[in-house]
Amino acid sequence: MTKRILIVDDVEFILDFEAKAIESVKNDAGFSIVVDKASTVTDAKELVEANHYDLIISDMNLPDGTGTEIAKFALDKDESTRIAALTIYPQRYESERGYFDAFFKKPILPSVFKENIKLLLKA
């Protein structure tokens, strides 16, 4: 079985952190995980249009929009997609929580991030 995850952030360091953490989840989970990366809402929407994602993890504040735009777009395509927000200011987006399965506050410990990924993938 293969799970597909999209990570979206405009900070390369965060994308690298998430990708490495997900890689270690893959080693523990016993199934394959494919990770795609995007740094804008536009890029994320193109990837969502072209692929099925089991999980999307998005920053909320992106150069061309918000993580909520990605969440709405993804859920319109496939309601089974799990979506998490990773943001410095979760309280700023409180009214948009209905589009997300989880909200993570930056900075996040790698162990906490990995455990939450496992839960969201139901590993």
PDB file of N, CA and C in Angstrom:
ATOM      1  N   MET A   1       0.842  -1.171   0.000  1.00  0.00           N
ATOM      2  CA  MET A   1       0.000   0.000   0.000  1.00  0.00           C
ATOM      3  C   MET A   1       0.896   1.245   0.000  1.00  0.00           C
ATOM      4  N   THR A   2       0.489   2.247  -0.763  1.00  0.00           N
ATOM      5  CA  THR A   2       1.223   3.501  -0.835  1.00  0.00           C
ATOM      6  C   THR A   2       0.318   4.650  -0.426  1.00  0.00           C
ATOM      7  N   LYS A   3       0.819   5.502   0.446  1.00  0.00           N
ATOM      8  CA  LYS A   3       0.127   6.720   0.855  1.00  0.00           C
ATOM      9  C   LYS A   3       0.825   7.889   0.172  1.00  0.00           C
ATOM     10  N   ARG A   4       0.032   8.884  -0.205  1.00  0.00           N
ATOM     11  CA  ARG A   4       0.601  10.060  -0.860  1.00  0.00           C
ATOM     12  C   ARG A   4       0.317  11.292  -0.007  1.00  0.00           C
ATOM     13  N   ILE A   5       1.369  12.066   0.257  1.00  0.00           N
ATOM     14  CA  ILE A   5       1.272  13.257   1.102  1.00  0.00           C
ATOM     15  C   ILE A   5       1.770  14.462   0.323  1.00  0.00           C
ATOM     16  N   LEU A   6       1.042  15.568   0.441  1.00  0.00           N
ATOM     17  CA  LEU A   6       1.473  16.847  -0.100  1.00  0.00           C
ATOM     18  C   LEU A   6       1.802  17.767   1.061  1.00  0.00           C
ATOM     19  N   ILE A   7       3.010  18.321   1.036  1.00  0.00           N
ATOM     20  CA  ILE A   7       3.385  19.313   2.039  1.00  0.00           C
ATOM     21  C   ILE A   7       3.538  20.658   1.332  1.00  0.00           C
ATOM     22  N   VAL A   8       2.985  21.698   1.966  1.00  0.00           N
ATOM     23  CA  VAL A   8       2.966  23.022   1.350  1.00  0.00           C
ATOM     24  C   VAL A   8       3.499  24.049   2.345  1.00  0.00           C
ATOM     25  N   ASP A   9       4.571  24.719   1.964  1.00  0.00           N
ATOM     26  CA  ASP A   9       5.133  25.790   2.788  1.00  0.00           C
ATOM     27  C   ASP A   9       6.046  26.613   1.898  1.00  0.00           C
ATOM     28  N   ASP A  10       6.133  27.901   2.162  1.00  0.00           N
ATOM     29  CA  ASP A  10       7.004  28.761   1.362  1.00  0.00           C
ATOM     30  C   ASP A  10       8.407  28.882   1.947  1.00  0.00           C
ATOM     31  N   VAL A  11       8.665  28.162   3.024  1.00  0.00           N
ATOM     32  CA  VAL A  11       9.994  28.155   3.638  1.00  0.00           C
ATOM     33  C   VAL A  11      10.626  26.782   3.380  1.00  0.00           C
ATOM     34  N   GLU A  12      11.711  26.781   2.629  1.00  0.00           N
ATOM     35  CA  GLU A  12      12.360  25.526   2.221  1.00  0.00           C
ATOM     36  C   GLU A  12      12.781  24.687   3.435  1.00  0.00           C
ATOM     37  N   PHE A  13      13.263  25.326   4.494  1.00  0.00           N
ATOM     38  CA  PHE A  13      13.679  24.613   5.695  1.00  0.00           C
ATOM     39  C   PHE A  13      12.520  23.801   6.272  1.00  0.00           C
ATOM     40  N   ILE A  14      11.324  24.373   6.293  1.00  0.00           N
ATOM     41  CA  ILE A  14      10.144  23.674   6.827  1.00  0.00           C
ATOM     42  C   ILE A  14       9.794  22.489   5.940  1.00  0.00           C
ATOM     43  N   LEU A  15       9.834  22.688   4.622  1.00  0.00           N
ATOM     44  CA  LEU A  15       9.571  21.570   3.701  1.00  0.00           C
ATOM     45  C   LEU A  15      10.563  20.437   3.933  1.00  0.00           C
ATOM     46  N   ASP A  16      11.829  20.769   4.105  1.00  0.00           N
ATOM     47  CA  ASP A  16      12.854  19.743   4.350  1.00  0.00           C
ATOM     48  C   ASP A  16      12.609  19.024   5.678  1.00  0.00           C
ATOM     49  N   PHE A  17      12.280  19.782   6.728  1.00  0.00           N
ATOM     50  CA  PHE A  17      11.969  19.197   8.035  1.00  0.00           C
ATOM     51  C   PHE A  17      10.806  18.205   7.909  1.00  0.00           C
ATOM     52  N   GLU A  18       9.733  18.635   7.269  1.00  0.00           N
ATOM     53  CA  GLU A  18       8.557  17.776   7.131  1.00  0.00           C
ATOM     54  C   GLU A  18       8.877  16.523   6.320  1.00  0.00           C
ATOM     55  N   ALA A  19       9.591  16.694   5.221  1.00  0.00           N
ATOM     56  CA  ALA A  19       9.935  15.549   4.375  1.00  0.00           C
ATOM     57  C   ALA A  19      10.779  14.527   5.134  1.00  0.00           C
ATOM     58  N   LYS A  20      11.744  15.003   5.917  1.00  0.00           N
ATOM     59  CA  LYS A  20      12.589  14.091   6.691  1.00  0.00           C
ATOM     60  C   LYS A  20      11.787  13.385   7.781  1.00  0.00           C
ATOM     61  N   ALA A  21      10.903  14.107   8.437  1.00  0.00           N
ATOM     62  CA  ALA A  21      10.071  13.490   9.472  1.00  0.00           C
ATOM     63  C   ALA A  21       9.148  12.441   8.864  1.00  0.00           C
ATOM     64  N   ILE A  22       8.570  12.750   7.720  1.00  0.00           N
ATOM     65  CA  ILE A  22       7.682  11.793   7.050  1.00  0.00           C
ATOM     66  C   ILE A  22       8.467  10.567   6.596  1.00  0.00           C
ATOM     67  N   GLU A  23       9.688  10.765   6.158  1.00  0.00           N
ATOM     68  CA  GLU A  23      10.543   9.644   5.756  1.00  0.00           C
ATOM     69  C   GLU A  23      10.743   8.675   6.929  1.00  0.00           C
ATOM     70  N   SER A  24      10.935   9.207   8.126  1.00  0.00           N
ATOM     71  CA  SER A  24      11.104   8.324   9.278  1.00  0.00           C
ATOM     72  C   SER A  24       9.787   7.644   9.660  1.00  0.00           C
ATOM     73  N   VAL A  25       8.659   8.301   9.418  1.00  0.00           N
ATOM     74  CA  VAL A  25       7.356   7.655   9.635  1.00  0.00           C
ATOM     75  C   VAL A  25       7.217   6.474   8.687  1.00  0.00           C
ATOM     76  N   LYS A  26       7.639   6.678   7.455  1.00  0.00           N
ATOM     77  CA  LYS A  26       7.561   5.607   6.454  1.00  0.00           C
ATOM     78  C   LYS A  26       8.344   4.378   6.917  1.00  0.00           C
ATOM     79  N   ASN A  27       9.496   4.607   7.516  1.00  0.00           N
ATOM     80  CA  ASN A  27      10.307   3.493   7.998  1.00  0.00           C
ATOM     81  C   ASN A  27       9.605   2.722   9.113  1.00  0.00           C
ATOM     82  N   ASP A  28       8.813   3.412   9.931  1.00  0.00           N
ATOM     83  CA  ASP A  28       8.093   2.784  11.036  1.00  0.00           C
ATOM     84  C   ASP A  28       6.740   2.208  10.634  1.00  0.00           C
ATOM     85  N   ALA A  29       6.140   2.753   9.590  1.00  0.00           N
ATOM     86  CA  ALA A  29       4.744   2.456   9.276  1.00  0.00           C
ATOM     87  C   ALA A  29       4.524   1.132   8.558  1.00  0.00           C
ATOM     88  N   GLY A  30       5.491   0.687   7.806  1.00  0.00           N
ATOM     89  CA  GLY A  30       5.317  -0.558   7.092  1.00  0.00           C
ATOM     90  C   GLY A  30       4.598  -0.399   5.757  1.00  0.00           C
ATOM     91  N   PHE A  31       4.462   0.826   5.276  1.00  0.00           N
ATOM     92  CA  PHE A  31       3.917   1.044   3.938  1.00  0.00           C
ATOM     93  C   PHE A  31       4.693   2.171   3.272  1.00  0.00           C
ATOM     94  N   SER A  32       4.542   2.264   1.991  1.00  0.00           N
ATOM     95  CA  SER A  32       5.261   3.259   1.215  1.00  0.00           C
ATOM     96  C   SER A  32       4.562   4.612   1.304  1.00  0.00           C
ATOM     97  N   ILE A  33       5.346   5.676   1.327  1.00  0.00           N
ATOM     98  CA  ILE A  33       4.809   7.033   1.333  1.00  0.00           C
ATOM     99  C   ILE A  33       5.521   7.828   0.244  1.00  0.00           C
ATOM    100  N   VAL A  34       4.732   8.466  -0.600  1.00  0.00           N
ATOM    101  CA  VAL A  34       5.252   9.372  -1.611  1.00  0.00           C
ATOM    102  C   VAL A  34       4.962  10.784  -1.133  1.00  0.00           C
ATOM    103  N   VAL A  35       5.977  11.653  -1.158  1.00  0.00           N
ATOM    104  CA  VAL A  35       5.822  13.027  -0.696  1.00  0.00           C
ATOM    105  C   VAL A  35       6.026  13.977  -1.865  1.00  0.00           C
ATOM    106  N   ASP A  36       5.059  14.864  -2.057  1.00  0.00           N
ATOM    107  CA  ASP A  36       5.186  15.951  -3.017  1.00  0.00           C
ATOM    108  C   ASP A  36       5.279  17.252  -2.235  1.00  0.00           C
ATOM    109  N   LYS A  37       5.950  18.244  -2.822  1.00  0.00           N
ATOM    110  CA  LYS A  37       6.134  19.534  -2.168  1.00  0.00           C
ATOM    111  C   LYS A  37       5.612  20.652  -3.056  1.00  0.00           C
ATOM    112  N   ALA A  38       5.058  21.679  -2.405  1.00  0.00           N
ATOM    113  CA  ALA A  38       4.643  22.896  -3.099  1.00  0.00           C
ATOM    114  C   ALA A  38       4.950  24.076  -2.197  1.00  0.00           C
ATOM    115  N   SER A  39       5.205  25.233  -2.810  1.00  0.00           N
ATOM    116  CA  SER A  39       5.499  26.424  -2.010  1.00  0.00           C
ATOM    117  C   SER A  39       4.482  27.541  -2.220  1.00  0.00           C
ATOM    118  N   THR A  40       3.469  27.293  -3.061  1.00  0.00           N
ATOM    119  CA  THR A  40       2.420  28.282  -3.292  1.00  0.00           C
ATOM    120  C   THR A  40       1.058  27.585  -3.376  1.00  0.00           C
ATOM    121  N   VAL A  41       0.006  28.361  -3.235  1.00  0.00           N
ATOM    122  CA  VAL A  41      -1.351  27.835  -3.406  1.00  0.00           C
ATOM    123  C   VAL A  41      -1.523  27.334  -4.834  1.00  0.00           C
ATOM    124  N   THR A  42      -1.027  28.088  -5.796  1.00  0.00           N
ATOM    125  CA  THR A  42      -1.154  27.705  -7.211  1.00  0.00           C
ATOM    126  C   THR A  42      -0.502  26.358  -7.475  1.00  0.00           C
ATOM    127  N   ASP A  43       0.729  26.179  -7.007  1.00  0.00           N
ATOM    128  CA  ASP A  43       1.428  24.899  -7.203  1.00  0.00           C
ATOM    129  C   ASP A  43       0.691  23.763  -6.509  1.00  0.00           C
ATOM    130  N   ALA A  44       0.200  24.022  -5.296  1.00  0.00           N
ATOM    131  CA  ALA A  44      -0.513  22.984  -4.544  1.00  0.00           C
ATOM    132  C   ALA A  44      -1.786  22.564  -5.280  1.00  0.00           C
ATOM    133  N   LYS A  45      -2.536  23.514  -5.789  1.00  0.00           N
ATOM    134  CA  LYS A  45      -3.767  23.192  -6.515  1.00  0.00           C
ATOM    135  C   LYS A  45      -3.481  22.360  -7.760  1.00  0.00           C
ATOM    136  N   GLU A  46      -2.404  22.691  -8.467  1.00  0.00           N
ATOM    137  CA  GLU A  46      -2.027  21.907  -9.647  1.00  0.00           C
ATOM    138  C   GLU A  46      -1.728  20.461  -9.261  1.00  0.00           C
ATOM    139  N   LEU A  47      -1.009  20.274  -8.162  1.00  0.00           N
ATOM    140  CA  LEU A  47      -0.689  18.919  -7.710  1.00  0.00           C
ATOM    141  C   LEU A  47      -1.945  18.177  -7.250  1.00  0.00           C
ATOM    142  N   VAL A  48      -2.827  18.863  -6.541  1.00  0.00           N
ATOM    143  CA  VAL A  48      -4.080  18.237  -6.077  1.00  0.00           C
ATOM    144  C   VAL A  48      -4.932  17.837  -7.274  1.00  0.00           C
ATOM    145  N   GLU A  49      -4.949  18.668  -8.283  1.00  0.00           N
ATOM    146  CA  GLU A  49      -5.729  18.360  -9.491  1.00  0.00           C
ATOM    147  C   GLU A  49      -5.200  17.097 -10.176  1.00  0.00           C
ATOM    148  N   ALA A  50      -3.892  16.918 -10.155  1.00  0.00           N
ATOM    149  CA  ALA A  50      -3.255  15.818 -10.881  1.00  0.00           C
ATOM    150  C   ALA A  50      -3.133  14.518 -10.081  1.00  0.00           C
ATOM    151  N   ASN A  51      -3.285  14.575  -8.751  1.00  0.00           N
ATOM    152  CA  ASN A  51      -3.008  13.414  -7.901  1.00  0.00           C
ATOM    153  C   ASN A  51      -4.063  13.254  -6.820  1.00  0.00           C
ATOM    154  N   HIS A  52      -4.150  12.026  -6.290  1.00  0.00           N
ATOM    155  CA  HIS A  52      -4.938  11.787  -5.076  1.00  0.00           C
ATOM    156  C   HIS A  52      -3.983  11.876  -3.887  1.00  0.00           C
ATOM    157  N   TYR A  53      -4.370  12.629  -2.859  1.00  0.00           N
ATOM    158  CA  TYR A  53      -3.562  12.719  -1.646  1.00  0.00           C
ATOM    159  C   TYR A  53      -4.334  12.157  -0.467  1.00  0.00           C
ATOM    160  N   ASP A  54      -3.640  11.323   0.300  1.00  0.00           N
ATOM    161  CA  ASP A  54      -4.210  10.807   1.543  1.00  0.00           C
ATOM    162  C   ASP A  54      -4.133  11.874   2.625  1.00  0.00           C
ATOM    163  N   LEU A  55      -3.099  12.724   2.545  1.00  0.00           N
ATOM    164  CA  LEU A  55      -2.870  13.754   3.547  1.00  0.00           C
ATOM    165  C   LEU A  55      -2.228  14.970   2.900  1.00  0.00           C
ATOM    166  N   ILE A  56      -2.718  16.144   3.275  1.00  0.00           N
ATOM    167  CA  ILE A  56      -2.101  17.401   2.891  1.00  0.00           C
ATOM    168  C   ILE A  56      -1.769  18.157   4.173  1.00  0.00           C
ATOM    169  N   ILE A  57      -0.530  18.624   4.261  1.00  0.00           N
ATOM    170  CA  ILE A  57      -0.101  19.450   5.395  1.00  0.00           C
ATOM    171  C   ILE A  57       0.299  20.797   4.813  1.00  0.00           C
ATOM    172  N   SER A  58      -0.394  21.841   5.217  1.00  0.00           N
ATOM    173  CA  SER A  58      -0.159  23.138   4.615  1.00  0.00           C
ATOM    174  C   SER A  58       0.074  24.227   5.641  1.00  0.00           C
ATOM    175  N   ASP A  59       1.019  25.085   5.315  1.00  0.00           N
ATOM    176  CA  ASP A  59       1.155  26.347   6.033  1.00  0.00           C
ATOM    177  C   ASP A  59      -0.104  27.153   5.723  1.00  0.00           C
ATOM    178  N   MET A  60      -0.470  28.042   6.609  1.00  0.00           N
ATOM    179  CA  MET A  60      -1.680  28.831   6.388  1.00  0.00           C
ATOM    180  C   MET A  60      -1.413  30.121   5.637  1.00  0.00           C
ATOM    181  N   ASN A  61      -0.227  30.679   5.777  1.00  0.00           N
ATOM    182  CA  ASN A  61       0.084  31.962   5.164  1.00  0.00           C
ATOM    183  C   ASN A  61       1.103  31.744   4.051  1.00  0.00           C
ATOM    184  N   LEU A  62       0.624  31.774   2.804  1.00  0.00           N
ATOM    185  CA  LEU A  62       1.477  31.528   1.652  1.00  0.00           C
ATOM    186  C   LEU A  62       1.542  32.784   0.783  1.00  0.00           C
ATOM    187  N   PRO A  63       2.538  32.893  -0.081  1.00  0.00           N
ATOM    188  CA  PRO A  63       2.702  34.121  -0.856  1.00  0.00           C
ATOM    189  C   PRO A  63       1.486  34.497  -1.710  1.00  0.00           C
ATOM    190  N   ASP A  64       0.738  33.512  -2.177  1.00  0.00           N
ATOM    191  CA  ASP A  64      -0.386  33.799  -3.071  1.00  0.00           C
ATOM    192  C   ASP A  64      -1.741  33.399  -2.489  1.00  0.00           C
ATOM    193  N   GLY A  65      -1.822  33.203  -1.172  1.00  0.00           N
ATOM    194  CA  GLY A  65      -3.107  32.852  -0.569  1.00  0.00           C
ATOM    195  C   GLY A  65      -2.927  32.135   0.751  1.00  0.00           C
ATOM    196  N   THR A  66      -3.924  31.311   1.086  1.00  0.00           N
ATOM    197  CA  THR A  66      -3.907  30.635   2.383  1.00  0.00           C
ATOM    198  C   THR A  66      -4.062  29.127   2.243  1.00  0.00           C
ATOM    199  N   GLY A  67      -3.702  28.458   3.310  1.00  0.00           N
ATOM    200  CA  GLY A  67      -3.897  27.018   3.367  1.00  0.00           C
ATOM    201  C   GLY A  67      -5.361  26.628   3.278  1.00  0.00           C
ATOM    202  N   THR A  68      -6.239  27.506   3.696  1.00  0.00           N
ATOM    203  CA  THR A  68      -7.670  27.221   3.611  1.00  0.00           C
ATOM    204  C   THR A  68      -8.115  27.096   2.160  1.00  0.00           C
ATOM    205  N   GLU A  69      -7.539  27.888   1.274  1.00  0.00           N
ATOM    206  CA  GLU A  69      -7.866  27.767  -0.150  1.00  0.00           C
ATOM    207  C   GLU A  69      -7.495  26.383  -0.667  1.00  0.00           C
ATOM    208  N   ILE A  70      -6.349  25.891  -0.240  1.00  0.00           N
ATOM    209  CA  ILE A  70      -5.912  24.551  -0.643  1.00  0.00           C
ATOM    210  C   ILE A  70      -6.853  23.507  -0.062  1.00  0.00           C
ATOM    211  N   ALA A  71      -7.199  23.656   1.208  1.00  0.00           N
ATOM    212  CA  ALA A  71      -8.095  22.704   1.864  1.00  0.00           C
ATOM    213  C   ALA A  71      -9.442  22.627   1.153  1.00  0.00           C
ATOM    214  N   LYS A  72     -10.038  23.765   0.862  1.00  0.00           N
ATOM    215  CA  LYS A  72     -11.332  23.783   0.162  1.00  0.00           C
ATOM    216  C   LYS A  72     -11.225  23.108  -1.197  1.00  0.00           C
ATOM    217  N   PHE A  73     -10.178  23.435  -1.943  1.00  0.00           N
ATOM    218  CA  PHE A  73      -9.966  22.864  -3.268  1.00  0.00           C
ATOM    219  C   PHE A  73      -9.822  21.342  -3.189  1.00  0.00           C
ATOM    220  N   ALA A  74      -9.005  20.885  -2.234  1.00  0.00           N
ATOM    221  CA  ALA A  74      -8.764  19.449  -2.083  1.00  0.00           C
ATOM    222  C   ALA A  74     -10.033  18.714  -1.660  1.00  0.00           C
ATOM    223  N   LEU A  75     -10.790  19.281  -0.739  1.00  0.00           N
ATOM    224  CA  LEU A  75     -12.012  18.634  -0.267  1.00  0.00           C
ATOM    225  C   LEU A  75     -13.094  18.613  -1.339  1.00  0.00           C
ATOM    226  N   ASP A  76     -13.117  19.619  -2.205  1.00  0.00           N
ATOM    227  CA  ASP A  76     -14.052  19.595  -3.333  1.00  0.00           C
ATOM    228  C   ASP A  76     -13.735  18.446  -4.276  1.00  0.00           C
ATOM    229  N   LYS A  77     -12.462  18.129  -4.400  1.00  0.00           N
ATOM    230  CA  LYS A  77     -12.046  17.022  -5.280  1.00  0.00           C
ATOM    231  C   LYS A  77     -12.263  15.665  -4.609  1.00  0.00           C
ATOM    232  N   ASP A  78     -11.926  15.569  -3.311  1.00  0.00           N
ATOM    233  CA  ASP A  78     -11.999  14.277  -2.615  1.00  0.00           C
ATOM    234  C   ASP A  78     -12.175  14.517  -1.122  1.00  0.00           C
ATOM    235  N   GLU A  79     -13.367  14.261  -0.634  1.00  0.00           N
ATOM    236  CA  GLU A  79     -13.669  14.504   0.783  1.00  0.00           C
ATOM    237  C   GLU A  79     -12.908  13.594   1.736  1.00  0.00           C
ATOM    238  N   SER A  80     -12.298  12.532   1.219  1.00  0.00           N
ATOM    239  CA  SER A  80     -11.572  11.610   2.100  1.00  0.00           C
ATOM    240  C   SER A  80     -10.155  12.093   2.419  1.00  0.00           C
ATOM    241  N   THR A  81      -9.680  13.117   1.735  1.00  0.00           N
ATOM    242  CA  THR A  81      -8.337  13.643   1.996  1.00  0.00           C
ATOM    243  C   THR A  81      -8.278  14.233   3.399  1.00  0.00           C
ATOM    244  N   ARG A  82      -7.290  13.814   4.160  1.00  0.00           N
ATOM    245  CA  ARG A  82      -7.058  14.384   5.490  1.00  0.00           C
ATOM    246  C   ARG A  82      -6.208  15.626   5.302  1.00  0.00           C
ATOM    247  N   ILE A  83      -6.522  16.681   6.059  1.00  0.00           N
ATOM    248  CA  ILE A  83      -5.816  17.944   5.875  1.00  0.00           C
ATOM    249  C   ILE A  83      -5.410  18.504   7.233  1.00  0.00           C
ATOM    250  N   ALA A  84      -4.137  18.899   7.310  1.00  0.00           N
ATOM    251  CA  ALA A  84      -3.610  19.502   8.541  1.00  0.00           C
ATOM    252  C   ALA A  84      -2.991  20.851   8.210  1.00  0.00           C
ATOM    253  N   ALA A  85      -3.135  21.777   9.142  1.00  0.00           N
ATOM    254  CA  ALA A  85      -2.499  23.090   9.023  1.00  0.00           C
ATOM    255  C   ALA A  85      -1.309  23.132   9.974  1.00  0.00           C
ATOM    256  N   LEU A  86      -0.230  23.720   9.503  1.00  0.00           N
ATOM    257  CA  LEU A  86       0.963  23.928  10.324  1.00  0.00           C
ATOM    258  C   LEU A  86       1.258  25.420  10.264  1.00  0.00           C
ATOM    259  N   THR A  87       1.062  26.115  11.384  1.00  0.00           N
ATOM    260  CA  THR A  87       1.135  27.574  11.358  1.00  0.00           C
ATOM    261  C   THR A  87       1.682  28.145  12.664  1.00  0.00           C
ATOM    262  N   ILE A  88       2.268  29.291  12.575  1.00  0.00           N
ATOM    263  CA  ILE A  88       2.753  29.992  13.758  1.00  0.00           C
ATOM    264  C   ILE A  88       1.576  30.569  14.551  1.00  0.00           C
ATOM    265  N   TYR A  89       0.499  30.910  13.852  1.00  0.00           N
ATOM    266  CA  TYR A  89      -0.629  31.610  14.462  1.00  0.00           C
ATOM    267  C   TYR A  89      -1.937  30.829  14.332  1.00  0.00           C
ATOM    268  N   PRO A  90      -2.083  29.684  14.990  1.00  0.00           N
ATOM    269  CA  PRO A  90      -3.322  28.911  14.827  1.00  0.00           C
ATOM    270  C   PRO A  90      -4.566  29.681  15.272  1.00  0.00           C
ATOM    271  N   GLN A  91      -4.440  30.546  16.275  1.00  0.00           N
ATOM    272  CA  GLN A  91      -5.594  31.296  16.756  1.00  0.00           C
ATOM    273  C   GLN A  91      -6.126  32.256  15.692  1.00  0.00           C
ATOM    274  N   ARG A  92      -5.287  32.704  14.791  1.00  0.00           N
ATOM    275  CA  ARG A  92      -5.693  33.615  13.722  1.00  0.00           C
ATOM    276  C   ARG A  92      -6.670  32.942  12.753  1.00  0.00           C
ATOM    277  N   TYR A  93      -6.619  31.606  12.675  1.00  0.00           N
ATOM    278  CA  TYR A  93      -7.426  30.865  11.713  1.00  0.00           C
ATOM    279  C   TYR A  93      -8.508  30.024  12.389  1.00  0.00           C
ATOM    280  N   GLU A  94      -8.836  30.359  13.605  1.00  0.00           N
ATOM    281  CA  GLU A  94      -9.803  29.591  14.395  1.00  0.00           C
ATOM    282  C   GLU A  94     -11.116  29.371  13.635  1.00  0.00           C
ATOM    283  N   SER A  95     -11.603  30.373  12.922  1.00  0.00           N
ATOM    284  CA  SER A  95     -12.887  30.262  12.221  1.00  0.00           C
ATOM    285  C   SER A  95     -12.815  29.317  11.025  1.00  0.00           C
ATOM    286  N   GLU A  96     -11.626  28.911  10.625  1.00  0.00           N
ATOM    287  CA  GLU A  96     -11.463  28.040   9.455  1.00  0.00           C
ATOM    288  C   GLU A  96     -11.141  26.595   9.828  1.00  0.00           C
ATOM    289  N   ARG A  97     -11.180  26.278  11.108  1.00  0.00           N
ATOM    290  CA  ARG A  97     -10.817  24.932  11.567  1.00  0.00           C
ATOM    291  C   ARG A  97     -11.678  23.821  10.965  1.00  0.00           C
ATOM    292  N   GLY A  98     -12.872  24.145  10.550  1.00  0.00           N
ATOM    293  CA  GLY A  98     -13.763  23.138   9.986  1.00  0.00           C
ATOM    294  C   GLY A  98     -13.243  22.473   8.728  1.00  0.00           C
ATOM    295  N   TYR A  99     -12.290  23.088   8.065  1.00  0.00           N
ATOM    296  CA  TYR A  99     -11.715  22.512   6.845  1.00  0.00           C
ATOM    297  C   TYR A  99     -10.537  21.583   7.131  1.00  0.00           C
ATOM    298  N   PHE A 100     -10.131  21.501   8.397  1.00  0.00           N
ATOM    299  CA  PHE A 100      -8.911  20.779   8.750  1.00  0.00           C
ATOM    300  C   PHE A 100      -9.176  19.668   9.763  1.00  0.00           C
ATOM    301  N   ASP A 101      -8.424  18.590   9.616  1.00  0.00           N
ATOM    302  CA  ASP A 101      -8.486  17.489  10.576  1.00  0.00           C
ATOM    303  C   ASP A 101      -7.586  17.769  11.778  1.00  0.00           C
ATOM    304  N   ALA A 102      -6.597  18.642  11.595  1.00  0.00           N
ATOM    305  CA  ALA A 102      -5.669  18.959  12.681  1.00  0.00           C
ATOM    306  C   ALA A 102      -5.036  20.320  12.435  1.00  0.00           C
ATOM    307  N   PHE A 103      -4.666  20.973  13.530  1.00  0.00           N
ATOM    308  CA  PHE A 103      -3.924  22.233  13.494  1.00  0.00           C
ATOM    309  C   PHE A 103      -2.671  22.030  14.332  1.00  0.00           C
ATOM    310  N   PHE A 104      -1.499  22.264  13.747  1.00  0.00           N
ATOM    311  CA  PHE A 104      -0.243  22.160  14.459  1.00  0.00           C
ATOM    312  C   PHE A 104       0.385  23.536  14.553  1.00  0.00           C
ATOM    313  N   LYS A 105       0.959  23.834  15.713  1.00  0.00           N
ATOM    314  CA  LYS A 105       1.591  25.133  15.916  1.00  0.00           C
ATOM    315  C   LYS A 105       3.089  25.023  15.678  1.00  0.00           C
ATOM    316  N   LYS A 106       3.608  25.926  14.836  1.00  0.00           N
ATOM    317  CA  LYS A 106       5.057  26.045  14.643  1.00  0.00           C
ATOM    318  C   LYS A 106       5.623  26.805  15.831  1.00  0.00           C
ATOM    319  N   PRO A 107       6.793  26.476  16.298  1.00  0.00           N
ATOM    320  CA  PRO A 107       7.568  25.299  15.918  1.00  0.00           C
ATOM    321  C   PRO A 107       6.981  24.039  16.547  1.00  0.00           C
ATOM    322  N   ILE A 108       7.218  22.924  15.896  1.00  0.00           N
ATOM    323  CA  ILE A 108       6.712  21.644  16.388  1.00  0.00           C
ATOM    324  C   ILE A 108       7.881  20.682  16.541  1.00  0.00           C
ATOM    325  N   LEU A 109       7.863  19.934  17.612  1.00  0.00           N
ATOM    326  CA  LEU A 109       8.911  18.941  17.837  1.00  0.00           C
ATOM    327  C   LEU A 109       8.785  17.818  16.804  1.00  0.00           C
ATOM    328  N   PRO A 110       9.892  17.302  16.307  1.00  0.00           N
ATOM    329  CA  PRO A 110       9.819  16.213  15.337  1.00  0.00           C
ATOM    330  C   PRO A 110       9.014  15.022  15.837  1.00  0.00           C
ATOM    331  N   SER A 111       9.181  14.652  17.103  1.00  0.00           N
ATOM    332  CA  SER A 111       8.449  13.491  17.637  1.00  0.00           C
ATOM    333  C   SER A 111       6.943  13.740  17.640  1.00  0.00           C
ATOM    334  N   VAL A 112       6.517  14.944  17.963  1.00  0.00           N
ATOM    335  CA  VAL A 112       5.093  15.294  17.960  1.00  0.00           C
ATOM    336  C   VAL A 112       4.571  15.308  16.529  1.00  0.00           C
ATOM    337  N   PHE A 113       5.337  15.880  15.623  1.00  0.00           N
ATOM    338  CA  PHE A 113       4.947  15.915  14.213  1.00  0.00           C
ATOM    339  C   PHE A 113       4.756  14.501  13.680  1.00  0.00           C
ATOM    340  N   LYS A 114       5.737  13.616  13.935  1.00  0.00           N
ATOM    341  CA  LYS A 114       5.661  12.242  13.431  1.00  0.00           C
ATOM    342  C   LYS A 114       4.471  11.488  14.006  1.00  0.00           C
ATOM    343  N   GLU A 115       4.219  11.629  15.294  1.00  0.00           N
ATOM    344  CA  GLU A 115       3.066  10.948  15.907  1.00  0.00           C
ATOM    345  C   GLU A 115       1.753  11.407  15.277  1.00  0.00           C
ATOM    346  N   ASN A 116       1.652  12.698  15.028  1.00  0.00           N
ATOM    347  CA  ASN A 116       0.437  13.220  14.410  1.00  0.00           C
ATOM    348  C   ASN A 116       0.291  12.745  12.971  1.00  0.00           C
ATOM    349  N   ILE A 117       1.380  12.626  12.245  1.00  0.00           N
ATOM    350  CA  ILE A 117       1.320  12.097  10.878  1.00  0.00           C
ATOM    351  C   ILE A 117       0.796  10.666  10.905  1.00  0.00           C
ATOM    352  N   LYS A 118       1.325   9.867  11.825  1.00  0.00           N
ATOM    353  CA  LYS A 118       0.854   8.482  11.956  1.00  0.00           C
ATOM    354  C   LYS A 118      -0.646   8.435  12.240  1.00  0.00           C
ATOM    355  N   LEU A 119      -1.103   9.284  13.141  1.00  0.00           N
ATOM    356  CA  LEU A 119      -2.537   9.327  13.466  1.00  0.00           C
ATOM    357  C   LEU A 119      -3.369   9.729  12.260  1.00  0.00           C
ATOM    358  N   LEU A 120      -2.919  10.739  11.554  1.00  0.00           N
ATOM    359  CA  LEU A 120      -3.676  11.212  10.396  1.00  0.00           C
ATOM    360  C   LEU A 120      -3.703  10.183   9.264  1.00  0.00           C
ATOM    361  N   LEU A 121      -2.637   9.405   9.145  1.00  0.00           N
ATOM    362  CA  LEU A 121      -2.603   8.342   8.133  1.00  0.00           C
ATOM    363  C   LEU A 121      -3.223   7.052   8.653  1.00  0.00           C
ATOM    364  N   LYS A 122      -3.562   7.053   9.935  1.00  0.00           N
ATOM    365  CA  LYS A 122      -4.103   5.878  10.614  1.00  0.00           C
ATOM    366  C   LYS A 122      -3.153   4.700  10.504  1.00  0.00           C
ATOM    367  N   ALA A 123      -1.884   5.018  10.735  1.00  0.00           N
ATOM    368  CA  ALA A 123      -0.843   3.987  10.659  1.00  0.00           C
ATOM    369  C   ALA A 123      -0.773   3.201  11.946  1.00  0.00           C
TER     370      ALA A 123
END
